[in-house]
Structure formats: structure tokens, C-alpha cells
Amino acid sequence: MVVSYNIFLSNKYMKYFSREYGQVITLFLYLQNQYLKIMDEYIGAVIKVGGILIGGVMILFVIWHIVKDILDISGKDSSDGK
């Protein structure tokens, strides 16, 4: 894949660089592209896990309030007058 990428870039940039520097720049651009793909996947995974954690905390918070309200209601006595 580097070779096909190198042919594309060498035709476009060879007027600015010698052949050796053109290959180095081609390799750099290829590696940068691969790095960005990996970072996109990593950032997507972090966002997904963060969303799951936040959703889980929200669900636990709601369940805790429901249980607390049920226990508060059942703990009241009818003779309290409340």
C-alpha cells in the first residue's frame, strides 16, 4: 500500500522534493493517516464507554430515589397524622 501511495504523491510533489525526500514525506503522510485512523477508533471507544458509565450512574440514581421514596412512605405511621 505504501508503494501505490508513493506513486500518487511522487507525481504530485516531485517538482518540490528530490526522490529521497519525496519517499520520506510519503511515508510520513501514510503513517500520519494510519495514526489518525487509530485515534478516531480510540476516541470513539472512549466516548461510547463514557456514555455507558454516565447512563449507568443515572439509572442507579433514579433507582436509589425510587427505593428511598418507597421506604420513606412505608416507614410513616398512620398515627403521625401526616
PDB file of N, CA and C in Angstrom:
ATOM      1  N   MET A   1       0.824  -1.188   0.000  1.00  0.00           N
ATOM      2  CA  MET A   1       0.000   0.000   0.000  1.00  0.00           C
ATOM      3  C   MET A   1       0.868   1.253   0.000  1.00  0.00           C
ATOM      4  N   VAL A   2       2.002   1.192   0.626  1.00  0.00           N
ATOM      5  CA  VAL A   2       2.892   2.351   0.649  1.00  0.00           C
ATOM      6  C   VAL A   2       3.366   2.673  -0.756  1.00  0.00           C
ATOM      7  N   VAL A   3       3.596   1.644  -1.558  1.00  0.00           N
ATOM      8  CA  VAL A   3       4.116   1.872  -2.909  1.00  0.00           C
ATOM      9  C   VAL A   3       3.087   2.604  -3.757  1.00  0.00           C
ATOM     10  N   SER A   4       1.823   2.168  -3.721  1.00  0.00           N
ATOM     11  CA  SER A   4       0.801   2.841  -4.524  1.00  0.00           C
ATOM     12  C   SER A   4       0.583   4.275  -4.037  1.00  0.00           C
ATOM     13  N   TYR A   5       0.652   4.469  -2.741  1.00  0.00           N
ATOM     14  CA  TYR A   5       0.525   5.805  -2.173  1.00  0.00           C
ATOM     15  C   TYR A   5       1.711   6.661  -2.594  1.00  0.00           C
ATOM     16  N   ASN A   6       2.883   6.051  -2.647  1.00  0.00           N
ATOM     17  CA  ASN A   6       4.102   6.752  -3.022  1.00  0.00           C
ATOM     18  C   ASN A   6       4.042   7.212  -4.481  1.00  0.00           C
ATOM     19  N   ILE A   7       3.485   6.406  -5.350  1.00  0.00           N
ATOM     20  CA  ILE A   7       3.384   6.790  -6.763  1.00  0.00           C
ATOM     21  C   ILE A   7       2.494   8.020  -6.908  1.00  0.00           C
ATOM     22  N   PHE A   8       1.382   8.037  -6.183  1.00  0.00           N
ATOM     23  CA  PHE A   8       0.476   9.180  -6.249  1.00  0.00           C
ATOM     24  C   PHE A   8       1.162  10.453  -5.770  1.00  0.00           C
ATOM     25  N   LEU A   9       1.828  10.374  -4.638  1.00  0.00           N
ATOM     26  CA  LEU A   9       2.457  11.567  -4.085  1.00  0.00           C
ATOM     27  C   LEU A   9       3.702  11.972  -4.855  1.00  0.00           C
ATOM     28  N   SER A  10       4.430  10.992  -5.371  1.00  0.00           N
ATOM     29  CA  SER A  10       5.661  11.353  -6.068  1.00  0.00           C
ATOM     30  C   SER A  10       5.347  12.143  -7.334  1.00  0.00           C
ATOM     31  N   ASN A  11       4.274  11.806  -8.026  1.00  0.00           N
ATOM     32  CA  ASN A  11       3.907  12.571  -9.213  1.00  0.00           C
ATOM     33  C   ASN A  11       3.476  13.987  -8.855  1.00  0.00           C
ATOM     34  N   LYS A  12       2.852  14.140  -7.719  1.00  0.00           N
ATOM     35  CA  LYS A  12       2.328  15.442  -7.340  1.00  0.00           C
ATOM     36  C   LYS A  12       3.398  16.356  -6.744  1.00  0.00           C
ATOM     37  N   TYR A  13       4.312  15.805  -5.940  1.00  0.00           N
ATOM     38  CA  TYR A  13       5.249  16.625  -5.188  1.00  0.00           C
ATOM     39  C   TYR A  13       6.690  16.545  -5.674  1.00  0.00           C
ATOM     40  N   MET A  14       6.969  15.779  -6.695  1.00  0.00           N
ATOM     41  CA  MET A  14       8.366  15.600  -7.104  1.00  0.00           C
ATOM     42  C   MET A  14       8.986  16.892  -7.626  1.00  0.00           C
ATOM     43  N   LYS A  15       8.189  17.830  -8.072  1.00  0.00           N
ATOM     44  CA  LYS A  15       8.772  19.092  -8.525  1.00  0.00           C
ATOM     45  C   LYS A  15       9.325  19.904  -7.355  1.00  0.00           C
ATOM     46  N   TYR A  16       8.883  19.600  -6.116  1.00  0.00           N
ATOM     47  CA  TYR A  16       9.362  20.327  -4.944  1.00  0.00           C
ATOM     48  C   TYR A  16      10.488  19.604  -4.208  1.00  0.00           C
ATOM     49  N   PHE A  17      10.527  18.275  -4.277  1.00  0.00           N
ATOM     50  CA  PHE A  17      11.485  17.498  -3.499  1.00  0.00           C
ATOM     51  C   PHE A  17      12.231  16.526  -4.398  1.00  0.00           C
ATOM     52  N   SER A  18      13.401  16.148  -3.944  1.00  0.00           N
ATOM     53  CA  SER A  18      14.105  15.085  -4.650  1.00  0.00           C
ATOM     54  C   SER A  18      13.410  13.762  -4.352  1.00  0.00           C
ATOM     55  N   ARG A  19      13.803  12.717  -5.044  1.00  0.00           N
ATOM     56  CA  ARG A  19      13.131  11.427  -4.898  1.00  0.00           C
ATOM     57  C   ARG A  19      13.261  10.883  -3.465  1.00  0.00           C
ATOM     58  N   GLU A  20      14.407  11.044  -2.826  1.00  0.00           N
ATOM     59  CA  GLU A  20      14.595  10.504  -1.475  1.00  0.00           C
ATOM     60  C   GLU A  20      13.685  11.220  -0.473  1.00  0.00           C
ATOM     61  N   TYR A  21      13.651  12.530  -0.561  1.00  0.00           N
ATOM     62  CA  TYR A  21      12.802  13.278   0.368  1.00  0.00           C
ATOM     63  C   TYR A  21      11.325  13.031   0.083  1.00  0.00           C
ATOM     64  N   GLY A  22      10.992  12.833  -1.162  1.00  0.00           N
ATOM     65  CA  GLY A  22       9.606  12.530  -1.521  1.00  0.00           C
ATOM     66  C   GLY A  22       9.139  11.240  -0.887  1.00  0.00           C
ATOM     67  N   GLN A  23      10.002  10.231  -0.848  1.00  0.00           N
ATOM     68  CA  GLN A  23       9.637   8.960  -0.223  1.00  0.00           C
ATOM     69  C   GLN A  23       9.505   9.108   1.288  1.00  0.00           C
ATOM     70  N   VAL A  24      10.365   9.919   1.886  1.00  0.00           N
ATOM     71  CA  VAL A  24      10.267  10.145   3.330  1.00  0.00           C
ATOM     72  C   VAL A  24       8.965  10.861   3.663  1.00  0.00           C
ATOM     73  N   ILE A  25       8.622  11.859   2.880  1.00  0.00           N
ATOM     74  CA  ILE A  25       7.376  12.595   3.114  1.00  0.00           C
ATOM     75  C   ILE A  25       6.174  11.691   2.869  1.00  0.00           C
ATOM     76  N   THR A  26       6.265  10.837   1.864  1.00  0.00           N
ATOM     77  CA  THR A  26       5.187   9.898   1.587  1.00  0.00           C
ATOM     78  C   THR A  26       4.989   8.953   2.761  1.00  0.00           C
ATOM     79  N   LEU A  27       6.085   8.436   3.283  1.00  0.00           N
ATOM     80  CA  LEU A  27       5.993   7.550   4.439  1.00  0.00           C
ATOM     81  C   LEU A  27       5.411   8.288   5.641  1.00  0.00           C
ATOM     82  N   PHE A  28       5.835   9.505   5.863  1.00  0.00           N
ATOM     83  CA  PHE A  28       5.311  10.299   6.978  1.00  0.00           C
ATOM     84  C   PHE A  28       3.807  10.515   6.833  1.00  0.00           C
ATOM     85  N   LEU A  29       3.348  10.864   5.639  1.00  0.00           N
ATOM     86  CA  LEU A  29       1.919  11.100   5.427  1.00  0.00           C
ATOM     87  C   LEU A  29       1.116   9.818   5.597  1.00  0.00           C
ATOM     88  N   TYR A  30       1.671   8.699   5.136  1.00  0.00           N
ATOM     89  CA  TYR A  30       0.992   7.416   5.292  1.00  0.00           C
ATOM     90  C   TYR A  30       0.862   7.063   6.774  1.00  0.00           C
ATOM     91  N   LEU A  31       1.949   7.215   7.533  1.00  0.00           N
ATOM     92  CA  LEU A  31       1.911   6.894   8.961  1.00  0.00           C
ATOM     93  C   LEU A  31       0.988   7.841   9.722  1.00  0.00           C
ATOM     94  N   GLN A  32       0.969   9.095   9.320  1.00  0.00           N
ATOM     95  CA  GLN A  32       0.066  10.059   9.950  1.00  0.00           C
ATOM     96  C   GLN A  32      -1.388   9.658   9.703  1.00  0.00           C
ATOM     97  N   ASN A  33      -1.682   9.212   8.495  1.00  0.00           N
ATOM     98  CA  ASN A  33      -3.034   8.775   8.162  1.00  0.00           C
ATOM     99  C   ASN A  33      -3.430   7.561   9.005  1.00  0.00           C
ATOM    100  N   GLN A  34      -2.520   6.601   9.159  1.00  0.00           N
ATOM    101  CA  GLN A  34      -2.800   5.421   9.979  1.00  0.00           C
ATOM    102  C   GLN A  34      -3.011   5.809  11.440  1.00  0.00           C
ATOM    103  N   TYR A  35      -2.191   6.724  11.931  1.00  0.00           N
ATOM    104  CA  TYR A  35      -2.309   7.190  13.318  1.00  0.00           C
ATOM    105  C   TYR A  35      -3.667   7.854  13.547  1.00  0.00           C
ATOM    106  N   LEU A  36      -4.113   8.665  12.596  1.00  0.00           N
ATOM    107  CA  LEU A  36      -5.401   9.346  12.747  1.00  0.00           C
ATOM    108  C   LEU A  36      -6.552   8.353  12.742  1.00  0.00           C
ATOM    109  N   LYS A  37      -6.444   7.289  11.939  1.00  0.00           N
ATOM    110  CA  LYS A  37      -7.483   6.259  11.941  1.00  0.00           C
ATOM    111  C   LYS A  37      -7.555   5.571  13.299  1.00  0.00           C
ATOM    112  N   ILE A  38      -6.388   5.261  13.864  1.00  0.00           N
ATOM    113  CA  ILE A  38      -6.349   4.608  15.173  1.00  0.00           C
ATOM    114  C   ILE A  38      -6.911   5.538  16.240  1.00  0.00           C
ATOM    115  N   MET A  39      -6.551   6.813  16.183  1.00  0.00           N
ATOM    116  CA  MET A  39      -7.047   7.770  17.175  1.00  0.00           C
ATOM    117  C   MET A  39      -8.557   7.945  17.067  1.00  0.00           C
ATOM    118  N   ASP A  40      -9.104   7.933  15.846  1.00  0.00           N
ATOM    119  CA  ASP A  40     -10.554   8.032  15.684  1.00  0.00           C
ATOM    120  C   ASP A  40     -11.253   6.857  16.350  1.00  0.00           C
ATOM    121  N   GLU A  41     -10.706   5.649  16.169  1.00  0.00           N
ATOM    122  CA  GLU A  41     -11.298   4.475  16.799  1.00  0.00           C
ATOM    123  C   GLU A  41     -11.195   4.574  18.321  1.00  0.00           C
ATOM    124  N   TYR A  42     -10.054   5.028  18.818  1.00  0.00           N
ATOM    125  CA  TYR A  42      -9.842   5.148  20.267  1.00  0.00           C
ATOM    126  C   TYR A  42     -10.795   6.179  20.870  1.00  0.00           C
ATOM    127  N   ILE A  43     -10.920   7.329  20.235  1.00  0.00           N
ATOM    128  CA  ILE A  43     -11.804   8.380  20.745  1.00  0.00           C
ATOM    129  C   ILE A  43     -13.255   7.909  20.719  1.00  0.00           C
ATOM    130  N   GLY A  44     -13.640   7.210  19.660  1.00  0.00           N
ATOM    131  CA  GLY A  44     -14.995   6.664  19.599  1.00  0.00           C
ATOM    132  C   GLY A  44     -15.271   5.678  20.717  1.00  0.00           C
ATOM    133  N   ALA A  45     -14.283   4.830  21.021  1.00  0.00           N
ATOM    134  CA  ALA A  45     -14.452   3.856  22.105  1.00  0.00           C
ATOM    135  C   ALA A  45     -14.547   4.556  23.456  1.00  0.00           C
ATOM    136  N   VAL A  46     -13.744   5.583  23.671  1.00  0.00           N
ATOM    137  CA  VAL A  46     -13.784   6.319  24.941  1.00  0.00           C
ATOM    138  C   VAL A  46     -15.135   7.006  25.114  1.00  0.00           C
ATOM    139  N   ILE A  47     -15.655   7.600  24.058  1.00  0.00           N
ATOM    140  CA  ILE A  47     -16.960   8.266  24.134  1.00  0.00           C
ATOM    141  C   ILE A  47     -18.062   7.248  24.421  1.00  0.00           C
ATOM    142  N   LYS A  48     -17.992   6.086  23.778  1.00  0.00           N
ATOM    143  CA  LYS A  48     -19.007   5.055  23.991  1.00  0.00           C
ATOM    144  C   LYS A  48     -18.983   4.550  25.436  1.00  0.00           C
ATOM    145  N   VAL A  49     -17.796   4.276  25.960  1.00  0.00           N
ATOM    146  CA  VAL A  49     -17.678   3.800  27.344  1.00  0.00           C
ATOM    147  C   VAL A  49     -18.137   4.886  28.317  1.00  0.00           C
ATOM    148  N   GLY A  50     -17.777   6.130  28.056  1.00  0.00           N
ATOM    149  CA  GLY A  50     -18.216   7.229  28.913  1.00  0.00           C
ATOM    150  C   GLY A  50     -19.731   7.363  28.930  1.00  0.00           C
ATOM    151  N   GLY A  51     -20.348   7.212  27.778  1.00  0.00           N
ATOM    152  CA  GLY A  51     -21.807   7.278  27.713  1.00  0.00           C
ATOM    153  C   GLY A  51     -22.465   6.156  28.490  1.00  0.00           C
ATOM    154  N   ILE A  52     -21.888   4.960  28.396  1.00  0.00           N
ATOM    155  CA  ILE A  52     -22.434   3.822  29.141  1.00  0.00           C
ATOM    156  C   ILE A  52     -22.292   4.058  30.644  1.00  0.00           C
ATOM    157  N   LEU A  53     -21.148   4.561  31.075  1.00  0.00           N
ATOM    158  CA  LEU A  53     -20.942   4.826  32.507  1.00  0.00           C
ATOM    159  C   LEU A  53     -21.891   5.902  33.024  1.00  0.00           C
ATOM    160  N   ILE A  54     -22.040   6.977  32.282  1.00  0.00           N
ATOM    161  CA  ILE A  54     -22.942   8.056  32.708  1.00  0.00           C
ATOM    162  C   ILE A  54     -24.385   7.557  32.752  1.00  0.00           C
ATOM    163  N   GLY A  55     -24.787   6.779  31.751  1.00  0.00           N
ATOM    164  CA  GLY A  55     -26.134   6.210  31.750  1.00  0.00           C
ATOM    165  C   GLY A  55     -26.365   5.282  32.929  1.00  0.00           C
ATOM    166  N   GLY A  56     -25.363   4.472  33.253  1.00  0.00           N
ATOM    167  CA  GLY A  56     -25.481   3.572  34.400  1.00  0.00           C
ATOM    168  C   GLY A  56     -25.619   4.321  35.707  1.00  0.00           C
ATOM    169  N   VAL A  57     -24.849   5.381  35.870  1.00  0.00           N
ATOM    170  CA  VAL A  57     -24.940   6.190  37.091  1.00  0.00           C
ATOM    171  C   VAL A  57     -26.310   6.851  37.189  1.00  0.00           C
ATOM    172  N   MET A  58     -26.832   7.326  36.073  1.00  0.00           N
ATOM    173  CA  MET A  58     -28.161   7.952  36.092  1.00  0.00           C
ATOM    174  C   MET A  58     -29.238   6.942  36.477  1.00  0.00           C
ATOM    175  N   ILE A  59     -29.145   5.734  35.938  1.00  0.00           N
ATOM    176  CA  ILE A  59     -30.132   4.697  36.265  1.00  0.00           C
ATOM    177  C   ILE A  59     -30.055   4.341  37.750  1.00  0.00           C
ATOM    178  N   LEU A  60     -28.845   4.178  38.269  1.00  0.00           N
ATOM    179  CA  LEU A  60     -28.694   3.877  39.697  1.00  0.00           C
ATOM    180  C   LEU A  60     -29.241   5.009  40.567  1.00  0.00           C
ATOM    181  N   PHE A  61     -29.035   6.244  40.156  1.00  0.00           N
ATOM    182  CA  PHE A  61     -29.544   7.399  40.898  1.00  0.00           C
ATOM    183  C   PHE A  61     -31.070   7.379  40.946  1.00  0.00           C
ATOM    184  N   VAL A  62     -31.710   7.094  39.818  1.00  0.00           N
ATOM    185  CA  VAL A  62     -33.176   7.050  39.768  1.00  0.00           C
ATOM    186  C   VAL A  62     -33.697   5.898  40.624  1.00  0.00           C
ATOM    187  N   ILE A  63     -33.063   4.725  40.508  1.00  0.00           N
ATOM    188  CA  ILE A  63     -33.499   3.576  41.312  1.00  0.00           C
ATOM    189  C   ILE A  63     -33.332   3.874  42.799  1.00  0.00           C
ATOM    190  N   TRP A  64     -32.236   4.520  43.160  1.00  0.00           N
ATOM    191  CA  TRP A  64     -31.995   4.859  44.568  1.00  0.00           C
ATOM    192  C   TRP A  64     -33.089   5.792  45.095  1.00  0.00           C
ATOM    193  N   HIS A  65     -33.479   6.796  44.295  1.00  0.00           N
ATOM    194  CA  HIS A  65     -34.542   7.714  44.728  1.00  0.00           C
ATOM    195  C   HIS A  65     -35.883   6.999  44.838  1.00  0.00           C
ATOM    196  N   ILE A  66     -36.177   6.102  43.927  1.00  0.00           N
ATOM    197  CA  ILE A  66     -37.442   5.362  43.997  1.00  0.00           C
ATOM    198  C   ILE A  66     -37.480   4.503  45.253  1.00  0.00           C
ATOM    199  N   VAL A  67     -36.405   3.779  45.510  1.00  0.00           N
ATOM    200  CA  VAL A  67     -36.351   2.924  46.700  1.00  0.00           C
ATOM    201  C   VAL A  67     -36.423   3.774  47.964  1.00  0.00           C
ATOM    202  N   LYS A  68     -35.732   4.900  47.979  1.00  0.00           N
ATOM    203  CA  LYS A  68     -35.757   5.788  49.148  1.00  0.00           C
ATOM    204  C   LYS A  68     -37.171   6.305  49.405  1.00  0.00           C
ATOM    205  N   ASP A  69     -37.875   6.709  48.340  1.00  0.00           N
ATOM    206  CA  ASP A  69     -39.251   7.190  48.499  1.00  0.00           C
ATOM    207  C   ASP A  69     -40.173   6.078  48.990  1.00  0.00           C
ATOM    208  N   ILE A  70     -39.996   4.867  48.476  1.00  0.00           N
ATOM    209  CA  ILE A  70     -40.828   3.742  48.921  1.00  0.00           C
ATOM    210  C   ILE A  70     -40.577   3.457  50.396  1.00  0.00           C
ATOM    211  N   LEU A  71     -39.325   3.474  50.804  1.00  0.00           N
ATOM    212  CA  LEU A  71     -39.014   3.220  52.215  1.00  0.00           C
ATOM    213  C   LEU A  71     -39.518   4.346  53.107  1.00  0.00           C
ATOM    214  N   ASP A  72     -39.473   5.582  52.630  1.00  0.00           N
ATOM    215  CA  ASP A  72     -39.995   6.710  53.413  1.00  0.00           C
ATOM    216  C   ASP A  72     -41.503   6.602  53.587  1.00  0.00           C
ATOM    217  N   ILE A  73     -42.208   6.196  52.535  1.00  0.00           N
ATOM    218  CA  ILE A  73     -43.669   6.076  52.608  1.00  0.00           C
ATOM    219  C   ILE A  73     -44.052   4.923  53.522  1.00  0.00           C
ATOM    220  N   SER A  74     -43.381   3.800  53.393  1.00  0.00           N
ATOM    221  CA  SER A  74     -43.736   2.641  54.219  1.00  0.00           C
ATOM    222  C   SER A  74     -43.305   2.831  55.670  1.00  0.00           C
ATOM    223  N   GLY A  75     -42.354   3.695  55.928  1.00  0.00           N
ATOM    224  CA  GLY A  75     -41.884   3.933  57.288  1.00  0.00           C
ATOM    225  C   GLY A  75     -42.783   4.859  58.086  1.00  0.00           C
ATOM    226  N   LYS A  76     -43.667   5.589  57.414  1.00  0.00           N
ATOM    227  CA  LYS A  76     -44.560   6.519  58.116  1.00  0.00           C
ATOM    228  C   LYS A  76     -45.677   5.740  58.802  1.00  0.00           C
ATOM    229  N   ASP A  77     -46.064   6.224  59.948  1.00  0.00           N
ATOM    230  CA  ASP A  77     -47.141   5.598  60.709  1.00  0.00           C
ATOM    231  C   ASP A  77     -48.438   6.354  60.450  1.00  0.00           C
ATOM    232  N   SER A  78     -49.570   5.654  60.461  1.00  0.00           N
ATOM    233  CA  SER A  78     -50.849   6.335  60.237  1.00  0.00           C
ATOM    234  C   SER A  78     -51.228   7.212  61.428  1.00  0.00           C
ATOM    235  N   SER A  79     -50.669   6.976  62.585  1.00  0.00           N
ATOM    236  CA  SER A  79     -50.987   7.786  63.761  1.00  0.00           C
ATOM    237  C   SER A  79     -50.203   9.101  63.789  1.00  0.00           C
ATOM    238  N   ASP A  80     -49.262   9.268  62.869  1.00  0.00           N
ATOM    239  CA  ASP A  80     -48.486  10.511  62.819  1.00  0.00           C
ATOM    240  C   ASP A  80     -49.337  11.679  62.338  1.00  0.00           C
ATOM    241  N   GLY A  81     -50.342  11.413  61.558  1.00  0.00           N
ATOM    242  CA  GLY A  81     -51.187  12.467  61.036  1.00  0.00           C
ATOM    243  C   GLY A  81     -50.602  13.158  59.826  1.00  0.00           C
ATOM    244  N   LYS A  82     -49.643  12.583  59.251  1.00  0.00           N
ATOM    245  CA  LYS A  82     -49.034  13.202  58.063  1.00  0.00           C
ATOM    246  C   LYS A  82     -49.523  12.561  56.802  1.00  0.00           C
TER     247      LYS A  82
END
